């Protein structure tokens, strides 16, 4: 028997990630028209609901500048330099969760191959490389990734960080994060 899909509930399991498609805060139309993005510096936890920005900085990018996988915004994990986004979620000890997300690359500058680190409770659990060669700003080639992660406490932290060697202002991109 199939469960129906309603909002963020899929097959009876609710997405524990808040703001997983990075739709909030809504970038101003002025920013989208001029630069196409808004930068958030490391340590900023007041402007991005659900997420804490780490490292140097990240950019919330408007879909008019780069194609979002879901909705109208995405995150470039390298603002002025390599950055990260982290979120603490409530988990149940000894429960395995499915973490899914979509990855691509900001093809506007920097090297073609972008690298992303995924951390669970501050432990590196996956390193991914995405080759932006042949992709464009309107056809990003988004790829869905998934791993299973175990909860060892009442709270768990998921982190996505840019690890592209050139540390340019164009890094790995992230959208549509889910933890179920």
N, C-alpha and C. Protein backbone atom coordinates (compact mmCIF):
# COMPACT_ATOMS: atom_id res chain seq x y z
N UNK A 1 0.84 -1.18 0.00
CA UNK A 1 0.00 0.00 0.00
C UNK A 1 0.89 1.24 0.00
N UNK A 2 0.67 2.13 -0.95
CA UNK A 2 1.48 3.34 -1.06
C UNK A 2 0.90 4.46 -0.22
N UNK A 3 1.77 5.19 0.41
CA UNK A 3 1.36 6.39 1.14
C UNK A 3 1.31 7.55 0.16
N UNK A 4 0.50 8.53 0.45
CA UNK A 4 0.43 9.69 -0.43
C UNK A 4 1.50 10.69 -0.05
N UNK A 5 1.84 11.54 -0.99
CA UNK A 5 2.84 12.58 -0.76
C UNK A 5 2.12 13.87 -0.42
N UNK A 6 2.45 14.44 0.74
CA UNK A 6 1.85 15.69 1.17
C UNK A 6 2.93 16.57 1.76
N UNK A 7 3.21 17.67 1.13
CA UNK A 7 4.24 18.58 1.63
C UNK A 7 5.59 17.89 1.70
N UNK A 8 6.20 17.88 2.88
CA UNK A 8 7.51 17.25 3.03
C UNK A 8 7.40 15.82 3.56
N UNK A 9 6.19 15.28 3.63
CA UNK A 9 6.01 13.90 4.09
C UNK A 9 5.99 12.99 2.86
N UNK A 10 6.88 12.01 2.82
CA UNK A 10 6.94 11.08 1.71
C UNK A 10 6.96 9.67 2.28
N UNK A 11 6.04 8.84 1.82
CA UNK A 11 5.96 7.46 2.28
C UNK A 11 5.95 7.36 3.81
N UNK A 12 5.26 8.30 4.45
CA UNK A 12 5.12 8.26 5.89
C UNK A 12 6.34 8.74 6.67
N UNK A 13 7.40 9.16 5.99
CA UNK A 13 8.59 9.65 6.67
C UNK A 13 8.76 11.13 6.39
N UNK A 14 8.95 11.90 7.43
CA UNK A 14 9.04 13.35 7.31
C UNK A 14 10.50 13.77 7.15
N UNK A 15 10.71 14.78 6.31
CA UNK A 15 12.04 15.35 6.13
C UNK A 15 12.43 16.12 7.38
N UNK A 16 13.55 15.73 8.00
CA UNK A 16 14.01 16.38 9.22
C UNK A 16 14.80 17.66 8.95
N UNK A 17 15.20 17.87 7.70
CA UNK A 17 15.97 19.06 7.33
C UNK A 17 15.02 20.25 7.16
N UNK A 18 15.39 21.35 7.79
CA UNK A 18 14.65 22.60 7.64
C UNK A 18 15.26 23.38 6.48
N UNK A 19 14.42 23.89 5.58
CA UNK A 19 14.89 24.74 4.50
C UNK A 19 15.87 24.00 3.59
N UNK A 20 15.55 22.74 3.27
CA UNK A 20 16.44 21.89 2.50
C UNK A 20 16.67 22.32 1.06
N UNK A 21 15.76 23.13 0.51
CA UNK A 21 15.94 23.64 -0.85
C UNK A 21 16.41 25.10 -0.84
N UNK A 22 16.77 25.58 0.33
CA UNK A 22 17.38 26.91 0.48
C UNK A 22 16.50 28.02 -0.11
N UNK A 23 15.20 27.88 0.09
CA UNK A 23 14.26 28.89 -0.43
C UNK A 23 14.12 30.09 0.49
N UNK A 24 14.68 30.01 1.68
CA UNK A 24 14.61 31.11 2.62
C UNK A 24 16.02 31.37 3.15
N UNK A 25 16.47 32.59 3.26
CA UNK A 25 15.70 33.79 2.99
C UNK A 25 15.54 34.01 1.49
N UNK A 26 14.49 34.70 1.15
CA UNK A 26 14.24 35.00 -0.25
C UNK A 26 15.15 36.15 -0.66
N UNK A 27 16.01 35.89 -1.63
CA UNK A 27 16.90 36.95 -2.10
C UNK A 27 16.08 38.06 -2.73
N UNK A 28 16.51 39.26 -2.51
CA UNK A 28 15.75 40.39 -3.04
C UNK A 28 15.81 40.41 -4.56
N UNK A 29 14.73 40.85 -5.20
CA UNK A 29 14.74 40.98 -6.66
C UNK A 29 15.88 41.87 -7.16
N UNK A 30 16.27 42.87 -6.34
CA UNK A 30 17.37 43.75 -6.72
C UNK A 30 18.68 42.95 -6.81
N UNK A 31 18.94 42.07 -5.82
CA UNK A 31 20.16 41.25 -5.84
C UNK A 31 20.15 40.29 -7.03
N UNK A 32 19.00 39.69 -7.30
CA UNK A 32 18.91 38.76 -8.43
C UNK A 32 19.14 39.48 -9.75
N UNK A 33 18.64 40.68 -9.86
CA UNK A 33 18.80 41.44 -11.11
C UNK A 33 20.23 41.95 -11.29
N UNK A 34 20.91 42.29 -10.18
CA UNK A 34 22.25 42.86 -10.32
C UNK A 34 23.34 41.79 -10.30
N UNK A 35 23.51 41.10 -9.19
CA UNK A 35 24.60 40.13 -9.08
C UNK A 35 24.16 38.70 -9.34
N UNK A 36 22.92 38.35 -8.97
CA UNK A 36 22.43 36.99 -9.12
C UNK A 36 22.60 36.16 -7.86
N UNK A 37 23.20 36.73 -6.82
CA UNK A 37 23.42 35.97 -5.59
C UNK A 37 23.54 36.91 -4.39
N UNK A 38 23.44 36.30 -3.20
CA UNK A 38 23.68 37.00 -1.95
C UNK A 38 24.69 36.17 -1.17
N UNK A 39 25.74 36.80 -0.68
CA UNK A 39 26.79 36.10 0.07
C UNK A 39 26.48 36.12 1.57
N UNK A 40 26.72 34.96 2.21
CA UNK A 40 26.63 34.86 3.67
C UNK A 40 27.98 34.39 4.19
N UNK A 41 28.52 35.10 5.16
CA UNK A 41 29.86 34.80 5.68
C UNK A 41 29.81 33.69 6.73
N UNK A 42 30.97 33.02 6.92
CA UNK A 42 31.10 31.98 7.94
C UNK A 42 30.71 32.49 9.31
N UNK A 43 30.04 31.65 10.10
CA UNK A 43 29.57 32.04 11.41
C UNK A 43 28.18 32.64 11.39
N UNK A 44 27.60 32.84 10.21
CA UNK A 44 26.29 33.46 10.08
C UNK A 44 25.19 32.42 10.29
N UNK A 45 24.51 32.51 11.41
CA UNK A 45 23.39 31.61 11.66
C UNK A 45 22.09 32.37 11.82
N UNK A 46 22.12 33.66 11.57
CA UNK A 46 20.92 34.47 11.78
C UNK A 46 20.15 34.74 10.50
N UNK A 47 20.78 34.61 9.34
CA UNK A 47 20.12 34.96 8.09
C UNK A 47 19.62 33.76 7.29
N UNK A 48 20.08 32.57 7.61
CA UNK A 48 19.73 31.39 6.82
C UNK A 48 18.96 30.41 7.71
N UNK A 49 17.63 30.42 7.64
CA UNK A 49 16.83 29.55 8.50
C UNK A 49 17.24 28.08 8.40
N UNK A 50 17.52 27.49 9.57
CA UNK A 50 17.87 26.08 9.66
C UNK A 50 19.35 25.78 9.51
N UNK A 51 20.11 26.65 8.89
CA UNK A 51 21.50 26.37 8.55
C UNK A 51 22.45 27.35 9.23
N UNK A 52 23.66 26.88 9.52
CA UNK A 52 24.74 27.73 9.98
C UNK A 52 25.82 27.71 8.91
N UNK A 53 26.26 28.88 8.54
CA UNK A 53 27.31 29.01 7.52
C UNK A 53 28.66 28.93 8.20
N UNK A 54 29.57 28.11 7.63
CA UNK A 54 30.91 27.97 8.17
C UNK A 54 31.96 28.25 7.10
N UNK A 55 33.21 28.13 7.48
CA UNK A 55 34.30 28.40 6.53
C UNK A 55 34.32 29.87 6.16
N UNK A 56 34.72 30.15 4.94
CA UNK A 56 34.81 31.53 4.48
C UNK A 56 33.41 32.12 4.27
N UNK A 57 32.68 31.59 3.28
CA UNK A 57 31.34 32.09 2.97
C UNK A 57 30.69 31.19 1.93
N UNK A 58 29.38 31.36 1.78
CA UNK A 58 28.61 30.67 0.75
C UNK A 58 27.75 31.70 0.03
N UNK A 59 27.29 31.35 -1.15
CA UNK A 59 26.38 32.22 -1.89
C UNK A 59 25.03 31.55 -2.07
N UNK A 60 23.95 32.25 -1.74
CA UNK A 60 22.61 31.83 -2.13
C UNK A 60 22.40 32.40 -3.52
N UNK A 61 22.19 31.52 -4.49
CA UNK A 61 22.18 31.92 -5.89
C UNK A 61 20.75 31.83 -6.43
N UNK A 62 20.36 32.87 -7.16
CA UNK A 62 19.03 32.93 -7.77
C UNK A 62 18.99 32.06 -9.02
N UNK A 63 17.85 31.43 -9.27
CA UNK A 63 17.73 30.55 -10.44
C UNK A 63 17.85 31.31 -11.76
N UNK A 64 17.74 32.64 -11.72
CA UNK A 64 17.97 33.43 -12.94
C UNK A 64 19.46 33.49 -13.27
N UNK A 65 20.31 33.16 -12.32
CA UNK A 65 21.77 33.18 -12.50
C UNK A 65 22.33 31.78 -12.74
N UNK A 66 21.85 30.80 -11.96
CA UNK A 66 22.18 29.38 -12.12
C UNK A 66 20.90 28.58 -11.92
N UNK A 67 20.73 27.53 -12.68
CA UNK A 67 19.53 26.69 -12.59
C UNK A 67 19.48 25.97 -11.24
N UNK A 68 18.40 26.19 -10.49
CA UNK A 68 18.20 25.46 -9.23
C UNK A 68 17.67 24.06 -9.56
N UNK A 69 17.99 23.10 -8.70
CA UNK A 69 17.42 21.75 -8.88
C UNK A 69 15.98 21.73 -8.42
N UNK A 70 15.69 22.49 -7.34
CA UNK A 70 14.34 22.54 -6.79
C UNK A 70 14.08 23.97 -6.35
N UNK A 71 12.96 24.52 -6.72
CA UNK A 71 12.62 25.88 -6.31
C UNK A 71 13.36 26.93 -7.10
N UNK A 72 13.65 28.05 -6.44
CA UNK A 72 14.25 29.20 -7.14
C UNK A 72 15.61 29.62 -6.60
N UNK A 73 16.15 28.88 -5.63
CA UNK A 73 17.47 29.20 -5.10
C UNK A 73 18.28 27.93 -4.87
N UNK A 74 19.59 28.08 -4.86
CA UNK A 74 20.51 27.00 -4.55
C UNK A 74 21.66 27.60 -3.78
N UNK A 75 22.55 26.75 -3.27
CA UNK A 75 23.73 27.25 -2.55
C UNK A 75 24.99 26.89 -3.32
N UNK A 76 25.83 27.88 -3.57
CA UNK A 76 27.19 27.67 -4.05
C UNK A 76 28.03 27.65 -2.78
N UNK A 77 28.67 26.51 -2.50
CA UNK A 77 29.39 26.34 -1.24
C UNK A 77 30.71 27.12 -1.17
N UNK A 78 31.00 27.92 -2.19
CA UNK A 78 32.18 28.77 -2.14
C UNK A 78 31.77 30.20 -2.48
N UNK A 79 31.73 31.04 -1.45
CA UNK A 79 31.44 32.46 -1.68
C UNK A 79 32.72 33.13 -2.15
N UNK A 80 33.34 33.91 -1.30
CA UNK A 80 34.63 34.50 -1.62
C UNK A 80 35.72 33.44 -1.55
N UNK A 81 35.48 32.41 -0.77
CA UNK A 81 36.35 31.25 -0.63
C UNK A 81 35.52 30.08 -0.12
N UNK A 82 36.13 28.93 0.04
CA UNK A 82 35.40 27.72 0.43
C UNK A 82 34.64 27.91 1.73
N UNK A 83 33.37 27.52 1.69
CA UNK A 83 32.51 27.62 2.86
C UNK A 83 31.75 26.32 3.08
N UNK A 84 30.82 26.37 4.02
CA UNK A 84 30.01 25.20 4.33
C UNK A 84 28.67 25.63 4.90
N UNK A 85 27.72 24.68 4.90
CA UNK A 85 26.46 24.86 5.59
C UNK A 85 26.25 23.63 6.47
N UNK A 86 25.81 23.86 7.72
CA UNK A 86 25.58 22.78 8.68
C UNK A 86 24.20 22.94 9.29
N UNK A 87 23.62 21.80 9.67
CA UNK A 87 22.34 21.82 10.35
C UNK A 87 22.32 20.73 11.42
N UNK A 88 21.84 21.09 12.61
CA UNK A 88 21.65 20.12 13.69
C UNK A 88 20.20 19.67 13.66
N UNK A 89 20.01 18.34 13.66
CA UNK A 89 18.66 17.77 13.61
C UNK A 89 18.45 16.83 14.79
N UNK A 90 17.21 16.72 15.23
CA UNK A 90 16.86 15.77 16.28
C UNK A 90 16.81 14.38 15.67
N UNK A 91 17.50 13.42 16.31
CA UNK A 91 17.54 12.05 15.81
C UNK A 91 17.27 11.08 16.96
N UNK A 92 17.00 9.84 16.60
CA UNK A 92 16.76 8.79 17.58
C UNK A 92 17.97 7.86 17.57
N UNK A 93 18.58 7.66 18.73
CA UNK A 93 19.77 6.81 18.86
C UNK A 93 19.49 5.42 18.27
N UNK A 94 20.50 4.87 17.60
CA UNK A 94 20.46 3.54 16.97
C UNK A 94 19.50 3.47 15.79
N UNK A 95 19.17 4.62 15.21
CA UNK A 95 18.33 4.66 14.02
C UNK A 95 19.19 5.09 12.84
N UNK A 96 19.00 4.42 11.71
CA UNK A 96 19.74 4.79 10.50
C UNK A 96 18.85 5.69 9.65
N UNK A 97 19.41 6.77 9.18
CA UNK A 97 18.69 7.75 8.38
C UNK A 97 19.24 7.77 6.97
N UNK A 98 18.38 8.13 6.03
CA UNK A 98 18.78 8.29 4.63
C UNK A 98 18.96 9.78 4.36
N UNK A 99 20.18 10.16 4.02
CA UNK A 99 20.51 11.55 3.69
C UNK A 99 20.63 11.65 2.17
N UNK A 100 19.81 12.49 1.56
CA UNK A 100 19.88 12.71 0.11
C UNK A 100 20.05 14.19 -0.18
N UNK A 101 20.70 14.47 -1.30
CA UNK A 101 20.90 15.85 -1.74
C UNK A 101 21.24 15.82 -3.23
N UNK A 102 21.20 16.99 -3.83
CA UNK A 102 21.55 17.14 -5.25
C UNK A 102 22.79 18.00 -5.35
N UNK A 103 23.71 17.59 -6.21
CA UNK A 103 24.99 18.29 -6.39
C UNK A 103 25.20 18.64 -7.86
N UNK A 104 25.80 19.78 -8.07
CA UNK A 104 26.26 20.20 -9.40
C UNK A 104 27.47 21.11 -9.17
N UNK A 105 27.79 21.93 -10.15
CA UNK A 105 28.94 22.83 -10.04
C UNK A 105 28.59 24.20 -10.59
N UNK A 106 29.12 25.23 -9.94
CA UNK A 106 29.00 26.57 -10.50
C UNK A 106 29.99 26.63 -11.66
N UNK A 107 29.45 26.65 -12.87
CA UNK A 107 30.28 26.58 -14.08
C UNK A 107 30.76 27.95 -14.55
N UNK A 108 30.46 29.00 -13.82
CA UNK A 108 30.82 30.35 -14.26
C UNK A 108 32.31 30.66 -14.13
N UNK A 109 33.02 29.98 -13.23
CA UNK A 109 34.45 30.27 -13.08
C UNK A 109 35.14 29.13 -12.33
N UNK A 110 36.44 29.26 -12.19
CA UNK A 110 37.21 28.25 -11.47
C UNK A 110 37.41 27.00 -12.30
N UNK A 111 38.01 26.00 -11.67
CA UNK A 111 38.25 24.75 -12.38
C UNK A 111 36.94 24.02 -12.65
N UNK A 112 36.92 23.16 -13.66
CA UNK A 112 35.69 22.45 -14.05
C UNK A 112 35.23 21.47 -12.99
N UNK A 113 36.17 20.76 -12.36
CA UNK A 113 35.81 19.74 -11.37
C UNK A 113 35.70 20.39 -9.99
N UNK A 114 34.52 20.27 -9.40
CA UNK A 114 34.26 20.82 -8.06
C UNK A 114 34.14 19.66 -7.08
N UNK A 115 34.62 19.86 -5.86
CA UNK A 115 34.62 18.81 -4.84
C UNK A 115 33.81 19.25 -3.63
N UNK A 116 33.04 18.30 -3.10
CA UNK A 116 32.20 18.53 -1.93
C UNK A 116 32.52 17.47 -0.87
N UNK A 117 32.66 17.92 0.39
CA UNK A 117 32.77 17.00 1.52
C UNK A 117 31.42 16.97 2.23
N UNK A 118 31.00 15.78 2.63
CA UNK A 118 29.79 15.60 3.42
C UNK A 118 30.23 15.05 4.77
N UNK A 119 29.83 15.72 5.84
CA UNK A 119 30.20 15.29 7.18
C UNK A 119 28.94 14.97 7.99
N UNK A 120 29.05 13.96 8.82
CA UNK A 120 27.97 13.57 9.74
C UNK A 120 28.59 13.58 11.13
N UNK A 121 28.08 14.43 11.99
CA UNK A 121 28.64 14.60 13.34
C UNK A 121 30.14 14.88 13.29
N UNK A 122 30.51 15.77 12.38
CA UNK A 122 31.89 16.24 12.20
C UNK A 122 32.87 15.17 11.72
N UNK A 123 32.34 14.06 11.20
CA UNK A 123 33.18 13.01 10.62
C UNK A 123 32.91 12.96 9.11
N UNK A 124 33.98 13.00 8.32
CA UNK A 124 33.83 12.94 6.86
C UNK A 124 33.23 11.58 6.47
N UNK A 125 32.06 11.61 5.80
CA UNK A 125 31.41 10.37 5.40
C UNK A 125 31.39 10.18 3.89
N UNK A 126 31.62 11.26 3.13
CA UNK A 126 31.63 11.13 1.68
C UNK A 126 32.33 12.34 1.06
N UNK A 127 33.14 12.07 0.04
CA UNK A 127 33.74 13.11 -0.77
C UNK A 127 33.28 12.88 -2.20
N UNK A 128 32.77 13.92 -2.82
CA UNK A 128 32.23 13.81 -4.18
C UNK A 128 32.89 14.83 -5.08
N UNK A 129 33.04 14.46 -6.34
CA UNK A 129 33.55 15.39 -7.35
C UNK A 129 32.52 15.45 -8.47
N UNK A 130 32.25 16.66 -8.93
CA UNK A 130 31.32 16.87 -10.03
C UNK A 130 32.07 17.61 -11.12
N UNK A 131 32.06 17.08 -12.33
CA UNK A 131 32.71 17.73 -13.46
C UNK A 131 31.70 18.60 -14.18
N UNK A 132 31.91 19.90 -14.12
CA UNK A 132 31.00 20.85 -14.76
C UNK A 132 31.22 21.01 -16.25
N UNK A 133 32.25 20.37 -16.78
CA UNK A 133 32.55 20.46 -18.21
C UNK A 133 31.32 20.01 -19.02
N UNK A 134 30.91 20.82 -19.97
CA UNK A 134 29.77 20.49 -20.82
C UNK A 134 28.44 20.93 -20.25
N UNK A 135 28.43 21.43 -19.02
CA UNK A 135 27.20 21.93 -18.42
C UNK A 135 27.15 23.45 -18.54
N UNK A 136 25.97 23.99 -18.44
CA UNK A 136 25.78 25.44 -18.56
C UNK A 136 24.99 25.95 -17.36
N UNK A 137 24.85 27.26 -17.29
CA UNK A 137 24.10 27.87 -16.20
C UNK A 137 22.61 27.51 -16.25
N UNK A 138 22.12 27.11 -17.41
CA UNK A 138 20.71 26.73 -17.54
C UNK A 138 20.51 25.23 -17.65
N UNK A 139 21.59 24.49 -17.70
CA UNK A 139 21.55 23.02 -17.72
C UNK A 139 22.71 22.51 -16.87
N UNK A 140 22.48 22.53 -15.56
CA UNK A 140 23.56 22.28 -14.59
C UNK A 140 23.96 20.81 -14.48
N UNK A 141 23.10 19.90 -14.90
CA UNK A 141 23.43 18.48 -14.81
C UNK A 141 23.34 17.92 -13.39
N UNK A 142 22.43 18.45 -12.61
CA UNK A 142 22.27 18.04 -11.22
C UNK A 142 22.26 16.52 -11.07
N UNK A 143 22.96 16.02 -10.05
CA UNK A 143 23.03 14.59 -9.74
C UNK A 143 22.57 14.38 -8.30
N UNK A 144 21.66 13.42 -8.11
CA UNK A 144 21.21 13.12 -6.75
C UNK A 144 22.18 12.15 -6.09
N UNK A 145 22.52 12.43 -4.85
CA UNK A 145 23.41 11.59 -4.05
C UNK A 145 22.65 11.13 -2.81
N UNK A 146 23.07 9.97 -2.26
CA UNK A 146 22.40 9.43 -1.08
C UNK A 146 23.37 8.59 -0.28
N UNK A 147 23.31 8.72 1.04
CA UNK A 147 24.05 7.83 1.94
C UNK A 147 23.18 7.55 3.16
N UNK A 148 23.45 6.45 3.83
CA UNK A 148 22.78 6.13 5.08
C UNK A 148 23.72 6.51 6.22
N UNK A 149 23.14 7.15 7.25
CA UNK A 149 23.94 7.63 8.38
C UNK A 149 23.28 7.20 9.69
N UNK A 150 24.09 6.74 10.66
CA UNK A 150 23.52 6.27 11.93
C UNK A 150 23.48 7.39 12.97
N UNK A 151 22.40 7.42 13.73
CA UNK A 151 22.32 8.38 14.84
C UNK A 151 22.93 7.76 16.08
N UNK A 152 23.83 8.49 16.73
CA UNK A 152 24.46 8.01 17.95
C UNK A 152 24.06 8.87 19.14
N UNK A 153 23.19 9.84 18.90
CA UNK A 153 22.73 10.72 19.97
C UNK A 153 21.38 11.31 19.63
N UNK A 154 20.86 12.12 20.55
CA UNK A 154 19.55 12.75 20.35
C UNK A 154 19.60 13.85 19.29
N UNK A 155 20.80 14.33 18.99
CA UNK A 155 20.99 15.33 17.93
C UNK A 155 22.14 14.89 17.05
N UNK A 156 22.01 15.17 15.77
CA UNK A 156 23.07 14.88 14.80
C UNK A 156 23.29 16.11 13.94
N UNK A 157 24.52 16.26 13.45
CA UNK A 157 24.86 17.42 12.63
C UNK A 157 25.27 16.96 11.25
N UNK A 158 24.64 17.54 10.23
CA UNK A 158 25.02 17.27 8.84
C UNK A 158 25.68 18.54 8.29
N UNK A 159 26.80 18.35 7.58
CA UNK A 159 27.55 19.47 7.02
C UNK A 159 27.91 19.18 5.58
N UNK A 160 27.75 20.17 4.73
CA UNK A 160 28.20 20.12 3.34
C UNK A 160 29.23 21.22 3.17
N UNK A 161 30.42 20.87 2.68
CA UNK A 161 31.51 21.85 2.58
C UNK A 161 32.16 21.78 1.20
N UNK A 162 32.52 22.94 0.67
CA UNK A 162 33.27 22.96 -0.58
C UNK A 162 34.71 22.56 -0.29
N UNK A 163 35.25 21.68 -1.13
CA UNK A 163 36.64 21.23 -0.98
C UNK A 163 37.36 21.28 -2.33
N UNK A 164 36.90 22.15 -3.20
CA UNK A 164 37.51 22.30 -4.52
C UNK A 164 38.90 22.88 -4.35
N UNK A 165 39.92 22.21 -4.91
CA UNK A 165 41.31 22.63 -4.68
C UNK A 165 41.64 24.08 -5.03
N UNK A 166 40.99 24.64 -6.06
CA UNK A 166 41.38 26.00 -6.47
C UNK A 166 40.81 27.09 -5.56
N UNK A 167 39.87 26.75 -4.66
CA UNK A 167 39.31 27.70 -3.70
C UNK A 167 38.82 28.97 -4.40
N UNK A 168 38.21 28.80 -5.59
CA UNK A 168 37.72 29.96 -6.32
C UNK A 168 36.39 30.42 -5.76
N UNK A 169 35.84 31.47 -6.33
CA UNK A 169 34.54 31.97 -5.90
C UNK A 169 33.40 31.14 -6.50
N UNK A 170 33.71 30.16 -7.31
CA UNK A 170 32.71 29.26 -7.88
C UNK A 170 33.01 27.84 -7.41
N UNK A 171 32.12 27.28 -6.60
CA UNK A 171 32.38 25.97 -6.02
C UNK A 171 31.33 24.94 -6.35
N UNK A 172 31.32 23.89 -5.54
CA UNK A 172 30.29 22.87 -5.64
C UNK A 172 28.96 23.50 -5.25
N UNK A 173 27.88 23.09 -5.93
CA UNK A 173 26.56 23.63 -5.62
C UNK A 173 25.70 22.55 -4.99
N UNK A 174 24.74 22.98 -4.17
CA UNK A 174 23.93 22.10 -3.36
C UNK A 174 22.48 22.56 -3.40
N UNK A 175 21.56 21.58 -3.45
CA UNK A 175 20.14 21.91 -3.42
C UNK A 175 19.36 20.68 -2.95
N UNK A 176 18.14 20.88 -2.49
CA UNK A 176 17.16 19.84 -2.21
C UNK A 176 17.70 18.75 -1.27
N UNK A 177 18.06 19.15 -0.05
CA UNK A 177 18.62 18.24 0.95
C UNK A 177 17.49 17.61 1.76
N UNK A 178 17.60 16.32 2.02
CA UNK A 178 16.57 15.62 2.77
C UNK A 178 17.21 14.61 3.72
N UNK A 179 16.65 14.48 4.92
CA UNK A 179 17.08 13.46 5.89
C UNK A 179 15.82 12.80 6.41
N UNK A 180 15.71 11.49 6.14
CA UNK A 180 14.51 10.73 6.55
C UNK A 180 14.94 9.46 7.21
